[in-house]
Amino acid sequence: MSQAVSVWLVIVVAVVAANLPFVLDRQLLGVWPLRAPKPLGVRVLELVAFYLLVGGLGLLLENRLGQIAPQGWEFYAITGALFLTLAFPGFVWRYLYKRRHD
C-alpha cells in the first residue's frame, strides 16, 4: 500500500469513526446493544475511544511504511481538534437538527 493510499484510508476512517457515536443511538462502540439511548457523556467517551483506534490504525500504517516519526503533545492536540471537527456533522444531526415527529 502506498503512502497516499494510507493517508486517505486514515482520513476516511477518521471521518466515519468521528460520526459513529452520534449516528448509532442504541449501540455502545457500534458492537454492544443498549436498551436506552446514550447520554452525551457516553458519546464523548466513545469519541475518545474511536480517536485512539484511528490513531492506532495510523500508527500501524506508518510502521508498515517505514520508521515511526516521534510525536510531541502538539501532534495529539492538533489531531484531537481535527477529530472533533470531523465529528461536528454527527453532533449537529443528533442534537441541533430539528426533526418533525409526525
C-alpha atoms as a PDB file:
ATOM      1  CA  MET A   1       0.000   0.000   0.000  1.00  0.00           C
ATOM      2  CA  SER A   2       1.413   3.374  -0.975  1.00  0.00           C
ATOM      3  CA  GLN A   3       1.752   6.315   1.352  1.00  0.00           C
ATOM      4  CA  ALA A   4      -1.003   8.295  -0.385  1.00  0.00           C
ATOM      5  CA  VAL A   5      -3.460   5.416  -0.080  1.00  0.00           C
ATOM      6  CA  SER A   6      -2.578   5.018   3.616  1.00  0.00           C
ATOM      7  CA  VAL A   7      -3.194   8.716   4.268  1.00  0.00           C
ATOM      8  CA  TRP A   8      -6.572   8.672   2.512  1.00  0.00           C
ATOM      9  CA  LEU A   9      -7.555   5.478   4.319  1.00  0.00           C
ATOM     10  CA  VAL A  10      -6.861   7.064   7.706  1.00  0.00           C
ATOM     11  CA  ILE A  11      -8.802  10.204   6.735  1.00  0.00           C
ATOM     12  CA  VAL A  12     -11.865   8.256   5.562  1.00  0.00           C
ATOM     13  CA  VAL A  13     -11.802   6.003   8.635  1.00  0.00           C
ATOM     14  CA  ALA A  14     -11.461   9.091  10.867  1.00  0.00           C
ATOM     15  CA  VAL A  15     -14.489  10.787   9.276  1.00  0.00           C
ATOM     16  CA  VAL A  16     -16.626   7.683   9.733  1.00  0.00           C
ATOM     17  CA  ALA A  17     -15.371   6.945  13.256  1.00  0.00           C
ATOM     18  CA  ALA A  18     -15.838  10.543  14.430  1.00  0.00           C
ATOM     19  CA  ASN A  19     -19.525  10.443  13.487  1.00  0.00           C
ATOM     20  CA  LEU A  20     -20.366   6.916  14.700  1.00  0.00           C
ATOM     21  CA  PRO A  21     -21.098   7.903  18.335  1.00  0.00           C
ATOM     22  CA  PHE A  22     -23.795  10.290  17.121  1.00  0.00           C
ATOM     23  CA  VAL A  23     -25.298   8.034  14.448  1.00  0.00           C
ATOM     24  CA  LEU A  24     -25.527   4.826  16.479  1.00  0.00           C
ATOM     25  CA  ASP A  25     -28.031   5.729  19.169  1.00  0.00           C
ATOM     26  CA  ARG A  26     -28.517   2.376  20.893  1.00  0.00           C
ATOM     27  CA  GLN A  27     -25.151   0.689  20.394  1.00  0.00           C
ATOM     28  CA  LEU A  28     -22.049   1.059  22.513  1.00  0.00           C
ATOM     29  CA  LEU A  29     -18.977   1.380  20.242  1.00  0.00           C
ATOM     30  CA  GLY A  30     -21.101   0.003  17.425  1.00  0.00           C
ATOM     31  CA  VAL A  31     -20.936  -3.500  18.928  1.00  0.00           C
ATOM     32  CA  TRP A  32     -22.984  -3.887  22.125  1.00  0.00           C
ATOM     33  CA  PRO A  33     -26.717  -3.124  22.027  1.00  0.00           C
ATOM     34  CA  LEU A  34     -28.199  -0.828  24.669  1.00  0.00           C
ATOM     35  CA  ARG A  35     -31.773  -0.607  25.946  1.00  0.00           C
ATOM     36  CA  ALA A  36     -31.905   3.183  26.179  1.00  0.00           C
ATOM     37  CA  PRO A  37     -30.388   5.970  24.070  1.00  0.00           C
ATOM     38  CA  LYS A  38     -26.874   7.017  25.067  1.00  0.00           C
ATOM     39  CA  PRO A  39     -26.336  10.240  27.025  1.00  0.00           C
ATOM     40  CA  LEU A  40     -23.836  12.820  25.763  1.00  0.00           C
ATOM     41  CA  GLY A  41     -21.153  11.717  28.245  1.00  0.00           C
ATOM     42  CA  VAL A  42     -21.118   8.189  26.844  1.00  0.00           C
ATOM     43  CA  ARG A  43     -20.899   9.613  23.329  1.00  0.00           C
ATOM     44  CA  VAL A  44     -17.853  11.681  24.340  1.00  0.00           C
ATOM     45  CA  LEU A  45     -16.167   8.588  25.816  1.00  0.00           C
ATOM     46  CA  GLU A  46     -16.905   6.726  22.584  1.00  0.00           C
ATOM     47  CA  LEU A  47     -15.399   9.617  20.648  1.00  0.00           C
ATOM     48  CA  VAL A  48     -12.184   9.291  22.683  1.00  0.00           C
ATOM     49  CA  ALA A  49     -12.129   5.520  22.129  1.00  0.00           C
ATOM     50  CA  PHE A  50     -12.603   5.935  18.375  1.00  0.00           C
ATOM     51  CA  TYR A  51      -9.865   8.608  18.328  1.00  0.00           C
ATOM     52  CA  LEU A  52      -7.482   6.124  19.929  1.00  0.00           C
ATOM     53  CA  LEU A  53      -8.491   3.380  17.481  1.00  0.00           C
ATOM     54  CA  VAL A  54      -7.954   5.633  14.449  1.00  0.00           C
ATOM     55  CA  GLY A  55      -4.624   6.749  15.921  1.00  0.00           C
ATOM     56  CA  GLY A  56      -3.643   3.103  16.323  1.00  0.00           C
ATOM     57  CA  LEU A  57      -4.533   2.449  12.697  1.00  0.00           C
ATOM     58  CA  GLY A  58      -2.416   5.420  11.623  1.00  0.00           C
ATOM     59  CA  LEU A  59       0.474   4.185  13.762  1.00  0.00           C
ATOM     60  CA  LEU A  60       0.191   0.704  12.264  1.00  0.00           C
ATOM     61  CA  LEU A  61       0.197   2.035   8.709  1.00  0.00           C
ATOM     62  CA  GLU A  62       3.099   4.372   9.434  1.00  0.00           C
ATOM     63  CA  ASN A  63       5.065   1.483  10.926  1.00  0.00           C
ATOM     64  CA  ARG A  64       4.475  -0.614   7.796  1.00  0.00           C
ATOM     65  CA  LEU A  65       5.747   2.208   5.561  1.00  0.00           C
ATOM     66  CA  GLY A  66       8.951   2.820   7.492  1.00  0.00           C
ATOM     67  CA  GLN A  67      10.224   4.450  10.631  1.00  0.00           C
ATOM     68  CA  ILE A  68       7.690   5.995  13.017  1.00  0.00           C
ATOM     69  CA  ALA A  69       8.260   9.716  13.494  1.00  0.00           C
ATOM     70  CA  PRO A  70       8.380  10.878  17.142  1.00  0.00           C
ATOM     71  CA  GLN A  71       5.333  12.941  18.147  1.00  0.00           C
ATOM     72  CA  GLY A  72       5.031  15.566  20.856  1.00  0.00           C
ATOM     73  CA  TRP A  73       1.954  16.869  22.648  1.00  0.00           C
ATOM     74  CA  GLU A  74       1.327  19.306  19.799  1.00  0.00           C
ATOM     75  CA  PHE A  75       0.580  16.445  17.411  1.00  0.00           C
ATOM     76  CA  TYR A  76      -2.044  14.985  19.741  1.00  0.00           C
ATOM     77  CA  ALA A  77      -3.615  18.394  20.389  1.00  0.00           C
ATOM     78  CA  ILE A  78      -3.954  19.067  16.657  1.00  0.00           C
ATOM     79  CA  THR A  79      -5.243  15.611  15.748  1.00  0.00           C
ATOM     80  CA  GLY A  80      -7.705  15.719  18.657  1.00  0.00           C
ATOM     81  CA  ALA A  81      -9.031  19.077  17.467  1.00  0.00           C
ATOM     82  CA  LEU A  82      -9.260  17.721  13.920  1.00  0.00           C
ATOM     83  CA  PHE A  83     -11.164  14.659  15.147  1.00  0.00           C
ATOM     84  CA  LEU A  84     -13.634  16.896  16.999  1.00  0.00           C
ATOM     85  CA  THR A  85     -14.058  18.976  13.847  1.00  0.00           C
ATOM     86  CA  LEU A  86     -14.771  15.828  11.843  1.00  0.00           C
ATOM     87  CA  ALA A  87     -17.412  14.868  14.447  1.00  0.00           C
ATOM     88  CA  PHE A  88     -19.315  18.141  14.041  1.00  0.00           C
ATOM     89  CA  PRO A  89     -21.762  16.915  11.340  1.00  0.00           C
ATOM     90  CA  GLY A  90     -22.824  13.985  13.532  1.00  0.00           C
ATOM     91  CA  PHE A  91     -23.248  16.272  16.553  1.00  0.00           C
ATOM     92  CA  VAL A  92     -25.380  18.693  14.533  1.00  0.00           C
ATOM     93  CA  TRP A  93     -27.514  15.854  13.176  1.00  0.00           C
ATOM     94  CA  ARG A  94     -28.081  14.368  16.657  1.00  0.00           C
ATOM     95  CA  TYR A  95     -28.560  17.475  18.796  1.00  0.00           C
ATOM     96  CA  LEU A  96     -29.172  20.591  16.703  1.00  0.00           C
ATOM     97  CA  TYR A  97     -31.205  19.442  13.696  1.00  0.00           C
ATOM     98  CA  LYS A  98     -34.929  19.921  14.299  1.00  0.00           C
ATOM     99  CA  ARG A  99     -36.838  16.784  13.347  1.00  0.00           C
ATOM    100  CA  ARG A 100     -40.582  16.639  12.856  1.00  0.00           C
ATOM    101  CA  HIS A 101     -42.260  13.855  14.756  1.00  0.00           C
ATOM    102  CA  ASP A 102     -45.404  13.090  12.746  1.00  0.00           C
END
